[in-house]
Amino acid sequence: MVPAASAQSFHVQPQEAGMRLDHYLVRCLPEQSRSSLDRQIRSGAVLVNGGAVKPGCKLRASDSIAVTLSDAPAAAEGRIEPQQVDFHIIHEDEHLAVISKPPGLVVHPAAGHADGTLVNGLLHRYSELDLLDGERPGLVHRLDKDTSGIMLAARTEAMHRLLSAAFKERQIRKTYHALLLRSPAADTGRIDAPIGRHPVNRQKMAVRQRDGRHAVTHWRILERFRNGCCFAEIAIETGRTHQIRVHLSSIGAPVLGDALYGGKSQTVQADRQLLHASQLRFVHPATGQACHFTAPLWPDMAALLAQLREQFRLA
């Protein structure tokens, strides 16, 4: 471990020209976390040719880099460690990975979930992700902890930018399936209602007509059951936090098992919100190939759907 307040210097070699400063230092100082080095650069503790620069500064051959580490003993603070985490690989290539996330798996480290997350697992499987920017390396979208299903991860910084742009431009189509506590009257529908933070319960989101963000959800009923539940296919035009759960609850059809938004049932036992990300459709940015990936329903959701069909099938 480099001692506190120690100084080191490096000289960029011709084969290293063009590298980002933060990526260069991760290689030179492997005992330091990427987030710690980023803080050091931004604080002015790292100088290139005698001047302060940004983490993304592109280096040139013969550049001189001076690093003065002020808190090396705490360098591991905030580091996301690679860990063995179970998730199913649907597809992987040199540019990206498509995985199916189990219910109950937190996507990225946060308060109360410091490790054992999907990001920890991705770093374990794809070590190159440790060089990517941000606190959620590789991830370009997310799912709630208890929502299962398909997710897309970038394996390079260039692919991360391309996929992020594709999501922003709504070029990546996502399809979900859900079991709902109550059936809407119509077989299909569209919900166009802005979503924002709940004014009282800060753990929840809510429809906020005045200050919410634009959000649109489409739903189609696939099966109805005698106890009032239904099986639905859902598509979203936007990706707001808790969007599907909030929108469906707002029309009186909350996701079955969703305790936060009113999905508790008296007739069947649901141990989590029964919402599943089923399909992704997009054009592969590197190959131009049209991609369509599917993640089968998670076993607990498939079992409850089978129970509904057996006990509550409509004549």
C-alpha atoms as a PDB file:
ATOM      1  CA  MET A   1       0.000   0.000   0.000  1.00  0.00           C
ATOM      2  CA  VAL A   2       1.352   3.444  -0.903  1.00  0.00           C
ATOM      3  CA  PRO A   3       1.806   5.472   2.322  1.00  0.00           C
ATOM      4  CA  ALA A   4      -0.289   8.530   3.005  1.00  0.00           C
ATOM      5  CA  ALA A   5       0.855  11.780   1.364  1.00  0.00           C
ATOM      6  CA  SER A   6       3.434   9.933  -0.770  1.00  0.00           C
ATOM      7  CA  ALA A   7       4.398  11.242  -4.201  1.00  0.00           C
ATOM      8  CA  GLN A   8       5.025   9.249  -7.355  1.00  0.00           C
ATOM      9  CA  SER A   9       5.780  10.210 -10.917  1.00  0.00           C
ATOM     10  CA  PHE A  10       5.162   8.460 -14.212  1.00  0.00           C
ATOM     11  CA  HIS A  11       6.139   9.130 -17.817  1.00  0.00           C
ATOM     12  CA  VAL A  12       3.778   8.120 -20.608  1.00  0.00           C
ATOM     13  CA  GLN A  13       5.321   5.739 -23.120  1.00  0.00           C
ATOM     14  CA  PRO A  14       4.563   5.923 -26.868  1.00  0.00           C
ATOM     15  CA  GLN A  15       2.392   2.785 -26.739  1.00  0.00           C
ATOM     16  CA  GLU A  16       0.335   4.386 -23.955  1.00  0.00           C
ATOM     17  CA  ALA A  17      -0.458   7.582 -25.867  1.00  0.00           C
ATOM     18  CA  GLY A  18      -4.188   8.190 -26.250  1.00  0.00           C
ATOM     19  CA  MET A  19      -5.163   6.549 -22.969  1.00  0.00           C
ATOM     20  CA  ARG A  20      -7.418   8.376 -20.534  1.00  0.00           C
ATOM     21  CA  LEU A  21      -5.612   9.563 -17.421  1.00  0.00           C
ATOM     22  CA  ASP A  22      -7.898   7.662 -15.028  1.00  0.00           C
ATOM     23  CA  HIS A  23      -7.481   4.412 -16.980  1.00  0.00           C
ATOM     24  CA  TYR A  24      -3.716   4.895 -17.082  1.00  0.00           C
ATOM     25  CA  LEU A  25      -3.500   5.362 -13.318  1.00  0.00           C
ATOM     26  CA  VAL A  26      -5.661   2.308 -12.626  1.00  0.00           C
ATOM     27  CA  ARG A  27      -2.971   0.272 -14.384  1.00  0.00           C
ATOM     28  CA  CYS A  28      -0.078   2.051 -12.693  1.00  0.00           C
ATOM     29  CA  LEU A  29      -1.620   1.969  -9.208  1.00  0.00           C
ATOM     30  CA  PRO A  30      -3.622  -1.288  -9.040  1.00  0.00           C
ATOM     31  CA  GLU A  31      -3.887  -1.048  -5.253  1.00  0.00           C
ATOM     32  CA  GLN A  32      -6.002   2.091  -5.653  1.00  0.00           C
ATOM     33  CA  SER A  33      -9.688   1.943  -6.547  1.00  0.00           C
ATOM     34  CA  ARG A  34     -10.905   3.686  -9.679  1.00  0.00           C
ATOM     35  CA  SER A  35     -13.294   5.841  -7.646  1.00  0.00           C
ATOM     36  CA  SER A  36     -10.499   6.882  -5.260  1.00  0.00           C
ATOM     37  CA  LEU A  37      -8.210   7.832  -8.159  1.00  0.00           C
ATOM     38  CA  ASP A  38     -11.026   9.792  -9.743  1.00  0.00           C
ATOM     39  CA  ARG A  39     -11.411  11.793  -6.530  1.00  0.00           C
ATOM     40  CA  GLN A  40      -7.666  12.371  -6.370  1.00  0.00           C
ATOM     41  CA  ILE A  41      -7.579  13.682  -9.942  1.00  0.00           C
ATOM     42  CA  ARG A  42     -10.530  16.010  -9.376  1.00  0.00           C
ATOM     43  CA  SER A  43      -9.017  17.315  -6.130  1.00  0.00           C
ATOM     44  CA  GLY A  44      -5.825  18.382  -7.918  1.00  0.00           C
ATOM     45  CA  ALA A  45      -3.634  15.687  -6.366  1.00  0.00           C
ATOM     46  CA  VAL A  46      -2.723  14.446  -9.848  1.00  0.00           C
ATOM     47  CA  LEU A  47      -0.887  16.796 -12.210  1.00  0.00           C
ATOM     48  CA  VAL A  48      -0.073  16.272 -15.878  1.00  0.00           C
ATOM     49  CA  ASN A  49       2.916  18.335 -17.008  1.00  0.00           C
ATOM     50  CA  GLY A  50       2.481  20.410 -13.868  1.00  0.00           C
ATOM     51  CA  GLY A  51      -1.197  21.241 -14.383  1.00  0.00           C
ATOM     52  CA  ALA A  52      -4.503  19.952 -13.021  1.00  0.00           C
ATOM     53  CA  VAL A  53      -6.657  18.078 -15.529  1.00  0.00           C
ATOM     54  CA  LYS A  54      -9.862  16.037 -15.666  1.00  0.00           C
ATOM     55  CA  PRO A  55     -10.026  12.231 -15.287  1.00  0.00           C
ATOM     56  CA  GLY A  56     -10.830  11.848 -18.989  1.00  0.00           C
ATOM     57  CA  CYS A  57      -7.745  13.777 -20.152  1.00  0.00           C
ATOM     58  CA  LYS A  58      -6.145  11.988 -23.119  1.00  0.00           C
ATOM     59  CA  LEU A  59      -2.455  11.402 -22.564  1.00  0.00           C
ATOM     60  CA  ARG A  60       0.361  12.008 -25.020  1.00  0.00           C
ATOM     61  CA  ALA A  61       3.712  10.266 -25.306  1.00  0.00           C
ATOM     62  CA  SER A  62       6.292  11.730 -22.881  1.00  0.00           C
ATOM     63  CA  ASP A  63       3.634  13.385 -20.669  1.00  0.00           C
ATOM     64  CA  SER A  64       4.830  13.658 -17.076  1.00  0.00           C
ATOM     65  CA  ILE A  65       2.344  12.676 -14.362  1.00  0.00           C
ATOM     66  CA  ALA A  66       2.838  13.550 -10.696  1.00  0.00           C
ATOM     67  CA  VAL A  67       0.612  11.838  -8.135  1.00  0.00           C
ATOM     68  CA  THR A  68       0.417  12.845  -4.483  1.00  0.00           C
ATOM     69  CA  LEU A  69      -1.819  10.448  -2.574  1.00  0.00           C
ATOM     70  CA  SER A  70      -3.276  12.051   0.517  1.00  0.00           C
ATOM     71  CA  ASP A  71      -5.314   9.204   1.950  1.00  0.00           C
ATOM     72  CA  ALA A  72      -3.884   5.971   0.613  1.00  0.00           C
ATOM     73  CA  PRO A  73      -4.901   3.897   3.671  1.00  0.00           C
ATOM     74  CA  ALA A  74      -8.520   4.599   2.744  1.00  0.00           C
ATOM     75  CA  ALA A  75      -8.002   3.902  -0.935  1.00  0.00           C
ATOM     76  CA  ALA A  76     -10.246   0.853  -0.884  1.00  0.00           C
ATOM     77  CA  GLU A  77     -13.177   2.970   0.263  1.00  0.00           C
ATOM     78  CA  GLY A  78     -15.952   2.827  -2.285  1.00  0.00           C
ATOM     79  CA  ARG A  79     -14.277   0.121  -4.362  1.00  0.00           C
ATOM     80  CA  ILE A  80     -16.671  -2.394  -5.897  1.00  0.00           C
ATOM     81  CA  GLU A  81     -15.110  -5.803  -5.412  1.00  0.00           C
ATOM     82  CA  PRO A  82     -15.566  -8.673  -7.871  1.00  0.00           C
ATOM     83  CA  GLN A  83     -17.658 -11.425  -6.291  1.00  0.00           C
ATOM     84  CA  GLN A  84     -19.194 -14.687  -7.432  1.00  0.00           C
ATOM     85  CA  VAL A  85     -22.892 -13.907  -7.963  1.00  0.00           C
ATOM     86  CA  ASP A  86     -25.366 -16.202  -9.690  1.00  0.00           C
ATOM     87  CA  PHE A  87     -27.156 -14.970 -12.799  1.00  0.00           C
ATOM     88  CA  HIS A  88     -27.969 -16.595 -16.118  1.00  0.00           C
ATOM     89  CA  ILE A  89     -26.055 -15.637 -19.283  1.00  0.00           C
ATOM     90  CA  ILE A  90     -28.362 -15.451 -22.300  1.00  0.00           C
ATOM     91  CA  HIS A  91     -25.760 -14.089 -24.722  1.00  0.00           C
ATOM     92  CA  GLU A  92     -22.262 -12.665 -24.583  1.00  0.00           C
ATOM     93  CA  ASP A  93     -19.784 -11.389 -27.127  1.00  0.00           C
ATOM     94  CA  GLU A  94     -16.725  -9.139 -26.991  1.00  0.00           C
ATOM     95  CA  HIS A  95     -18.913  -6.016 -26.878  1.00  0.00           C
ATOM     96  CA  LEU A  96     -21.856  -6.777 -24.592  1.00  0.00           C
ATOM     97  CA  ALA A  97     -23.648  -9.333 -22.450  1.00  0.00           C
ATOM     98  CA  VAL A  98     -27.334 -10.163 -22.080  1.00  0.00           C
ATOM     99  CA  ILE A  99     -28.224 -11.715 -18.719  1.00  0.00           C
ATOM    100  CA  SER A 100     -31.314 -12.789 -16.802  1.00  0.00           C
ATOM    101  CA  LYS A 101     -31.384 -11.334 -13.277  1.00  0.00           C
ATOM    102  CA  PRO A 102     -32.900 -13.431 -10.488  1.00  0.00           C
ATOM    103  CA  PRO A 103     -35.512 -11.831  -8.225  1.00  0.00           C
ATOM    104  CA  GLY A 104     -34.044 -10.588  -4.968  1.00  0.00           C
ATOM    105  CA  LEU A 105     -30.724  -9.579  -6.530  1.00  0.00           C
ATOM    106  CA  VAL A 106     -29.834  -5.908  -6.072  1.00  0.00           C
ATOM    107  CA  VAL A 107     -28.427  -4.401  -9.264  1.00  0.00           C
ATOM    108  CA  HIS A 108     -25.695  -2.134  -7.860  1.00  0.00           C
ATOM    109  CA  PRO A 109     -24.183  -1.356  -4.433  1.00  0.00           C
ATOM    110  CA  ALA A 110     -26.110   1.160  -2.349  1.00  0.00           C
ATOM    111  CA  ALA A 111     -26.940   1.852   1.279  1.00  0.00           C
ATOM    112  CA  GLY A 112     -27.788  -1.469   2.915  1.00  0.00           C
ATOM    113  CA  HIS A 113     -26.399  -3.477  -0.010  1.00  0.00           C
ATOM    114  CA  ALA A 114     -22.650  -2.937  -0.057  1.00  0.00           C
ATOM    115  CA  ASP A 115     -21.866  -6.147  -1.909  1.00  0.00           C
ATOM    116  CA  GLY A 116     -23.371  -9.275  -3.406  1.00  0.00           C
ATOM    117  CA  THR A 117     -24.956  -7.218  -6.191  1.00  0.00           C
ATOM    118  CA  LEU A 118     -25.233  -7.806  -9.910  1.00  0.00           C
ATOM    119  CA  VAL A 119     -22.408  -5.308 -10.491  1.00  0.00           C
ATOM    120  CA  ASN A 120     -20.136  -7.330  -8.179  1.00  0.00           C
ATOM    121  CA  GLY A 121     -20.979 -10.416 -10.210  1.00  0.00           C
ATOM    122  CA  LEU A 122     -20.395  -8.699 -13.548  1.00  0.00           C
ATOM    123  CA  LEU A 123     -16.967  -7.501 -12.387  1.00  0.00           C
ATOM    124  CA  HIS A 124     -16.134 -11.077 -11.377  1.00  0.00           C
ATOM    125  CA  ARG A 125     -17.065 -12.466 -14.783  1.00  0.00           C
ATOM    126  CA  TYR A 126     -15.833  -9.556 -16.911  1.00  0.00           C
ATOM    127  CA  SER A 127     -12.716  -8.099 -15.280  1.00  0.00           C
ATOM    128  CA  GLU A 128     -12.377  -5.446 -17.989  1.00  0.00           C
ATOM    129  CA  LEU A 129     -15.444  -3.661 -16.596  1.00  0.00           C
ATOM    130  CA  ASP A 130     -13.289  -2.312 -13.769  1.00  0.00           C
ATOM    131  CA  LEU A 131     -11.824   0.164 -16.267  1.00  0.00           C
ATOM    132  CA  LEU A 132     -15.204   1.618 -17.232  1.00  0.00           C
ATOM    133  CA  ASP A 133     -16.405   4.954 -15.900  1.00  0.00           C
ATOM    134  CA  GLY A 134     -19.122   5.413 -13.313  1.00  0.00           C
ATOM    135  CA  GLU A 135     -20.375   3.631 -10.210  1.00  0.00           C
ATOM    136  CA  ARG A 136     -22.365   1.021 -12.182  1.00  0.00           C
ATOM    137  CA  PRO A 137     -19.739  -0.336 -14.594  1.00  0.00           C
ATOM    138  CA  GLY A 138     -21.262  -1.904 -17.681  1.00  0.00           C
ATOM    139  CA  LEU A 139     -24.891  -1.267 -16.827  1.00  0.00           C
ATOM    140  CA  VAL A 140     -26.980   0.880 -19.134  1.00  0.00           C
ATOM    141  CA  HIS A 141     -30.332   0.296 -17.413  1.00  0.00           C
ATOM    142  CA  ARG A 142     -31.625  -1.307 -14.240  1.00  0.00           C
ATOM    143  CA  LEU A 143     -34.343  -3.457 -12.690  1.00  0.00           C
ATOM    144  CA  ASP A 144     -35.786  -3.240  -9.192  1.00  0.00           C
ATOM    145  CA  LYS A 145     -34.459  -5.757  -6.670  1.00  0.00           C
ATOM    146  CA  ASP A 146     -37.533  -8.019  -6.797  1.00  0.00           C
ATOM    147  CA  THR A 147     -38.154  -7.683 -10.533  1.00  0.00           C
ATOM    148  CA  SER A 148     -36.642 -10.570 -12.475  1.00  0.00           C
ATOM    149  CA  GLY A 149     -35.512 -10.845 -16.042  1.00  0.00           C
ATOM    150  CA  ILE A 150     -33.431  -9.649 -18.914  1.00  0.00           C
ATOM    151  CA  MET A 151     -30.745  -6.973 -18.681  1.00  0.00           C
ATOM    152  CA  LEU A 152     -28.093  -5.594 -21.014  1.00  0.00           C
ATOM    153  CA  ALA A 153     -24.501  -4.836 -20.003  1.00  0.00           C
ATOM    154  CA  ALA A 154     -21.757  -3.185 -22.054  1.00  0.00           C
ATOM    155  CA  ARG A 155     -18.247  -4.642 -21.904  1.00  0.00           C
ATOM    156  CA  THR A 156     -16.404  -1.618 -23.301  1.00  0.00           C
ATOM    157  CA  GLU A 157     -16.680   2.110 -22.760  1.00  0.00           C
ATOM    158  CA  ALA A 158     -17.478   2.681 -26.439  1.00  0.00           C
ATOM    159  CA  MET A 159     -20.319   0.151 -26.322  1.00  0.00           C
ATOM    160  CA  HIS A 160     -21.599   1.688 -23.093  1.00  0.00           C
ATOM    161  CA  ARG A 161     -21.906   5.074 -24.826  1.00  0.00           C
ATOM    162  CA  LEU A 162     -23.655   3.548 -27.847  1.00  0.00           C
ATOM    163  CA  LEU A 163     -26.145   1.520 -25.812  1.00  0.00           C
ATOM    164  CA  SER A 164     -26.860   4.438 -23.476  1.00  0.00           C
ATOM    165  CA  ALA A 165     -27.622   6.597 -26.499  1.00  0.00           C
ATOM    166  CA  ALA A 166     -29.845   3.874 -27.956  1.00  0.00           C
ATOM    167  CA  PHE A 167     -31.853   3.713 -24.713  1.00  0.00           C
ATOM    168  CA  LYS A 168     -32.146   7.483 -24.632  1.00  0.00           C
ATOM    169  CA  GLU A 169     -33.405   7.536 -28.226  1.00  0.00           C
ATOM    170  CA  ARG A 170     -35.833   4.677 -27.440  1.00  0.00           C
ATOM    171  CA  GLN A 171     -34.187   2.399 -29.976  1.00  0.00           C
ATOM    172  CA  ILE A 172     -34.120  -0.513 -27.542  1.00  0.00           C
ATOM    173  CA  ARG A 173     -37.525  -2.127 -27.054  1.00  0.00           C
ATOM    174  CA  LYS A 174     -38.318  -3.828 -23.761  1.00  0.00           C
ATOM    175  CA  THR A 175     -41.232  -6.158 -23.095  1.00  0.00           C
ATOM    176  CA  TYR A 176     -42.366  -7.197 -19.624  1.00  0.00           C
ATOM    177  CA  HIS A 177     -44.861  -9.725 -18.309  1.00  0.00           C
ATOM    178  CA  ALA A 178     -46.705  -9.336 -15.029  1.00  0.00           C
ATOM    179  CA  LEU A 179     -49.353 -10.952 -12.887  1.00  0.00           C
ATOM    180  CA  LEU A 180     -51.762  -8.250 -11.729  1.00  0.00           C
ATOM    181  CA  LEU A 181     -53.933  -8.302  -8.620  1.00  0.00           C
ATOM    182  CA  ARG A 182     -56.956  -6.978 -10.518  1.00  0.00           C
ATOM    183  CA  SER A 183     -57.853  -6.967 -14.200  1.00  0.00           C
ATOM    184  CA  PRO A 184     -58.438  -3.685 -16.032  1.00  0.00           C
ATOM    185  CA  ALA A 185     -61.810  -3.587 -17.789  1.00  0.00           C
ATOM    186  CA  ALA A 186     -60.298  -3.216 -21.264  1.00  0.00           C
ATOM    187  CA  ASP A 187     -58.053  -5.799 -22.897  1.00  0.00           C
ATOM    188  CA  THR A 188     -55.502  -3.168 -23.958  1.00  0.00           C
ATOM    189  CA  GLY A 189     -54.619   0.310 -22.849  1.00  0.00           C
ATOM    190  CA  ARG A 190     -52.104   3.114 -22.690  1.00  0.00           C
ATOM    191  CA  ILE A 191     -51.195   5.094 -19.584  1.00  0.00           C
ATOM    192  CA  ASP A 192     -49.681   8.530 -20.160  1.00  0.00           C
ATOM    193  CA  ALA A 193     -49.064  10.015 -16.715  1.00  0.00           C
ATOM    194  CA  PRO A 194     -45.998  11.839 -15.335  1.00  0.00           C
ATOM    195  CA  ILE A 195     -44.133  10.209 -12.450  1.00  0.00           C
ATOM    196  CA  GLY A 196     -42.244  11.817  -9.582  1.00  0.00           C
ATOM    197  CA  ARG A 197     -41.243  11.167  -5.988  1.00  0.00           C
ATOM    198  CA  HIS A 198     -44.156  10.531  -3.606  1.00  0.00           C
ATOM    199  CA  PRO A 199     -44.782  13.673  -1.528  1.00  0.00           C
ATOM    200  CA  VAL A 200     -44.922  11.769   1.798  1.00  0.00           C
ATOM    201  CA  ASN A 201     -43.325   8.324   1.414  1.00  0.00           C
ATOM    202  CA  ARG A 202     -39.867   8.916  -0.050  1.00  0.00           C
ATOM    203  CA  GLN A 203     -39.471   5.214  -0.850  1.00  0.00           C
ATOM    204  CA  LYS A 204     -42.304   5.443  -3.333  1.00  0.00           C
ATOM    205  CA  MET A 205     -42.943   7.119  -6.657  1.00  0.00           C
ATOM    206  CA  ALA A 206     -46.338   8.483  -7.665  1.00  0.00           C
ATOM    207  CA  VAL A 207     -48.257  10.023 -10.548  1.00  0.00           C
ATOM    208  CA  ARG A 208     -47.455  13.738 -10.277  1.00  0.00           C
ATOM    209  CA  GLN A 209     -49.338  15.798 -12.843  1.00  0.00           C
ATOM    210  CA  ARG A 210     -47.637  19.087 -12.031  1.00  0.00           C
ATOM    211  CA  ASP A 211     -44.000  18.194 -11.463  1.00  0.00           C
ATOM    212  CA  GLY A 212     -43.585  14.584 -12.608  1.00  0.00           C
ATOM    213  CA  ARG A 213     -41.495  13.366 -15.548  1.00  0.00           C
ATOM    214  CA  HIS A 214     -43.157  12.205 -18.745  1.00  0.00           C
ATOM    215  CA  ALA A 215     -43.938   8.463 -18.622  1.00  0.00           C
ATOM    216  CA  VAL A 216     -45.916   6.167 -20.937  1.00  0.00           C
ATOM    217  CA  THR A 217     -46.859   2.510 -20.407  1.00  0.00           C
ATOM    218  CA  HIS A 218     -48.801   0.131 -22.687  1.00  0.00           C
ATOM    219  CA  TRP A 219     -50.535  -3.000 -21.420  1.00  0.00           C
ATOM    220  CA  ARG A 220     -52.326  -5.970 -22.984  1.00  0.00           C
ATOM    221  CA  ILE A 221     -54.254  -8.615 -21.055  1.00  0.00           C
ATOM    222  CA  LEU A 222     -53.278 -12.151 -22.064  1.00  0.00           C
ATOM    223  CA  GLU A 223     -55.366 -14.134 -19.540  1.00  0.00           C
ATOM    224  CA  ARG A 224     -57.994 -13.345 -16.902  1.00  0.00           C
ATOM    225  CA  PHE A 225     -58.775 -15.452 -13.836  1.00  0.00           C
ATOM    226  CA  ARG A 226     -61.866 -15.928 -11.647  1.00  0.00           C
ATOM    227  CA  ASN A 227     -60.217 -14.426  -8.561  1.00  0.00           C
ATOM    228  CA  GLY A 228     -59.786 -11.139 -10.427  1.00  0.00           C
ATOM    229  CA  CYS A 229     -56.090 -11.556 -11.226  1.00  0.00           C
ATOM    230  CA  CYS A 230     -54.740 -11.415 -14.765  1.00  0.00           C
ATOM    231  CA  PHE A 231     -51.613 -12.106 -16.778  1.00  0.00           C
ATOM    232  CA  ALA A 232     -50.472  -9.092 -18.798  1.00  0.00           C
ATOM    233  CA  GLU A 233     -47.866  -8.087 -21.368  1.00  0.00           C
ATOM    234  CA  ILE A 234     -46.408  -4.626 -20.840  1.00  0.00           C
ATOM    235  CA  ALA A 235     -44.302  -2.291 -22.957  1.00  0.00           C
ATOM    236  CA  ILE A 236     -42.842   1.042 -21.903  1.00  0.00           C
ATOM    237  CA  GLU A 237     -41.910   4.099 -23.925  1.00  0.00           C
ATOM    238  CA  THR A 238     -39.975   5.632 -21.029  1.00  0.00           C
ATOM    239  CA  GLY A 239     -37.961   4.192 -18.163  1.00  0.00           C
ATOM    240  CA  ARG A 240     -38.905   6.024 -14.977  1.00  0.00           C
ATOM    241  CA  THR A 241     -38.220   4.582 -11.538  1.00  0.00           C
ATOM    242  CA  HIS A 242     -40.984   2.078 -10.613  1.00  0.00           C
ATOM    243  CA  GLN A 243     -42.865   3.140 -13.760  1.00  0.00           C
ATOM    244  CA  ILE A 244     -44.815  -0.048 -14.449  1.00  0.00           C
ATOM    245  CA  ARG A 245     -45.654  -0.560 -10.778  1.00  0.00           C
ATOM    246  CA  VAL A 246     -46.839   3.035 -10.321  1.00  0.00           C
ATOM    247  CA  HIS A 247     -48.843   3.233 -13.556  1.00  0.00           C
ATOM    248  CA  LEU A 248     -50.659  -0.068 -13.093  1.00  0.00           C
ATOM    249  CA  SER A 249     -51.424   0.734  -9.462  1.00  0.00           C
ATOM    250  CA  SER A 250     -52.827   4.099 -10.583  1.00  0.00           C
ATOM    251  CA  ILE A 251     -55.511   2.329 -12.654  1.00  0.00           C
ATOM    252  CA  GLY A 252     -56.411  -0.088  -9.850  1.00  0.00           C
ATOM    253  CA  ALA A 253     -54.414  -3.043 -11.204  1.00  0.00           C
ATOM    254  CA  PRO A 254     -51.234  -3.240  -9.094  1.00  0.00           C
ATOM    255  CA  VAL A 255     -48.620  -5.895  -9.727  1.00  0.00           C
ATOM    256  CA  LEU A 256     -49.454  -9.005  -7.712  1.00  0.00           C
ATOM    257  CA  GLY A 257     -47.239  -9.258  -4.635  1.00  0.00           C
ATOM    258  CA  ASP A 258     -46.133  -5.619  -4.775  1.00  0.00           C
ATOM    259  CA  ALA A 259     -46.487  -4.611  -1.127  1.00  0.00           C
ATOM    260  CA  LEU A 260     -45.316  -1.045  -1.776  1.00  0.00           C
ATOM    261  CA  TYR A 261     -48.049  -0.279  -4.324  1.00  0.00           C
ATOM    262  CA  GLY A 262     -50.986  -2.333  -3.043  1.00  0.00           C
ATOM    263  CA  GLY A 263     -50.587  -5.715  -4.710  1.00  0.00           C
ATOM    264  CA  LYS A 264     -51.225  -8.030  -1.733  1.00  0.00           C
ATOM    265  CA  SER A 265     -53.656 -10.860  -2.522  1.00  0.00           C
ATOM    266  CA  GLN A 266     -56.101 -12.726  -0.279  1.00  0.00           C
ATOM    267  CA  THR A 267     -56.399 -15.715  -2.616  1.00  0.00           C
ATOM    268  CA  VAL A 268     -52.823 -16.590  -3.644  1.00  0.00           C
ATOM    269  CA  GLN A 269     -49.427 -16.299  -1.985  1.00  0.00           C
ATOM    270  CA  ALA A 270     -46.972 -14.034  -3.811  1.00  0.00           C
ATOM    271  CA  ASP A 271     -43.619 -13.534  -2.088  1.00  0.00           C
ATOM    272  CA  ARG A 272     -42.433 -10.701  -4.335  1.00  0.00           C
ATOM    273  CA  GLN A 273     -43.745  -8.382  -7.029  1.00  0.00           C
ATOM    274  CA  LEU A 274     -44.469 -10.698  -9.975  1.00  0.00           C
ATOM    275  CA  LEU A 275     -42.988  -8.514 -12.681  1.00  0.00           C
ATOM    276  CA  HIS A 276     -40.560  -9.975 -15.215  1.00  0.00           C
ATOM    277  CA  ALA A 277     -38.515  -8.343 -17.982  1.00  0.00           C
ATOM    278  CA  SER A 278     -39.066 -10.843 -20.788  1.00  0.00           C
ATOM    279  CA  GLN A 279     -37.614  -9.493 -24.024  1.00  0.00           C
ATOM    280  CA  LEU A 280     -35.107  -7.067 -25.483  1.00  0.00           C
ATOM    281  CA  ARG A 281     -35.028  -5.994 -29.126  1.00  0.00           C
ATOM    282  CA  PHE A 282     -32.260  -3.790 -30.510  1.00  0.00           C
ATOM    283  CA  VAL A 283     -29.778  -3.408 -33.322  1.00  0.00           C
ATOM    284  CA  HIS A 284     -26.305  -4.467 -32.194  1.00  0.00           C
ATOM    285  CA  PRO A 285     -24.226  -1.265 -32.400  1.00  0.00           C
ATOM    286  CA  ALA A 286     -21.039  -3.112 -33.386  1.00  0.00           C
ATOM    287  CA  THR A 287     -22.411  -5.593 -35.941  1.00  0.00           C
ATOM    288  CA  GLY A 288     -25.604  -3.943 -37.199  1.00  0.00           C
ATOM    289  CA  GLN A 289     -27.443  -7.204 -36.561  1.00  0.00           C
ATOM    290  CA  ALA A 290     -31.073  -7.124 -35.384  1.00  0.00           C
ATOM    291  CA  CYS A 291     -31.136  -8.806 -31.964  1.00  0.00           C
ATOM    292  CA  HIS A 292     -34.092 -10.320 -30.121  1.00  0.00           C
ATOM    293  CA  PHE A 293     -33.414 -11.966 -26.771  1.00  0.00           C
ATOM    294  CA  THR A 294     -35.918 -13.634 -24.434  1.00  0.00           C
ATOM    295  CA  ALA A 295     -35.720 -14.573 -20.755  1.00  0.00           C
ATOM    296  CA  PRO A 296     -38.297 -17.195 -19.683  1.00  0.00           C
ATOM    297  CA  LEU A 297     -40.464 -16.422 -16.663  1.00  0.00           C
ATOM    298  CA  TRP A 298     -38.651 -17.014 -13.406  1.00  0.00           C
ATOM    299  CA  PRO A 299     -39.735 -20.342 -11.813  1.00  0.00           C
ATOM    300  CA  ASP A 300     -41.667 -18.764  -8.924  1.00  0.00           C
ATOM    301  CA  MET A 301     -43.721 -16.639 -11.303  1.00  0.00           C
ATOM    302  CA  ALA A 302     -44.271 -19.539 -13.705  1.00  0.00           C
ATOM    303  CA  ALA A 303     -45.461 -21.699 -10.789  1.00  0.00           C
ATOM    304  CA  LEU A 304     -47.961 -19.087  -9.600  1.00  0.00           C
ATOM    305  CA  LEU A 305     -49.251 -18.606 -13.136  1.00  0.00           C
ATOM    306  CA  ALA A 306     -49.774 -22.389 -13.337  1.00  0.00           C
ATOM    307  CA  GLN A 307     -51.633 -22.266  -9.998  1.00  0.00           C
ATOM    308  CA  LEU A 308     -53.947 -19.523 -11.258  1.00  0.00           C
ATOM    309  CA  ARG A 309     -54.668 -21.521 -14.409  1.00  0.00           C
ATOM    310  CA  GLU A 310     -55.470 -24.616 -12.361  1.00  0.00           C
ATOM    311  CA  GLN A 311     -57.576 -23.039  -9.615  1.00  0.00           C
ATOM    312  CA  PHE A 312     -59.115 -19.934 -11.184  1.00  0.00           C
ATOM    313  CA  ARG A 313     -59.370 -20.564 -14.917  1.00  0.00           C
ATOM    314  CA  LEU A 314     -62.408 -18.932 -16.495  1.00  0.00           C
ATOM    315  CA  ALA A 315     -64.890 -21.389 -18.032  1.00  0.00           C
END
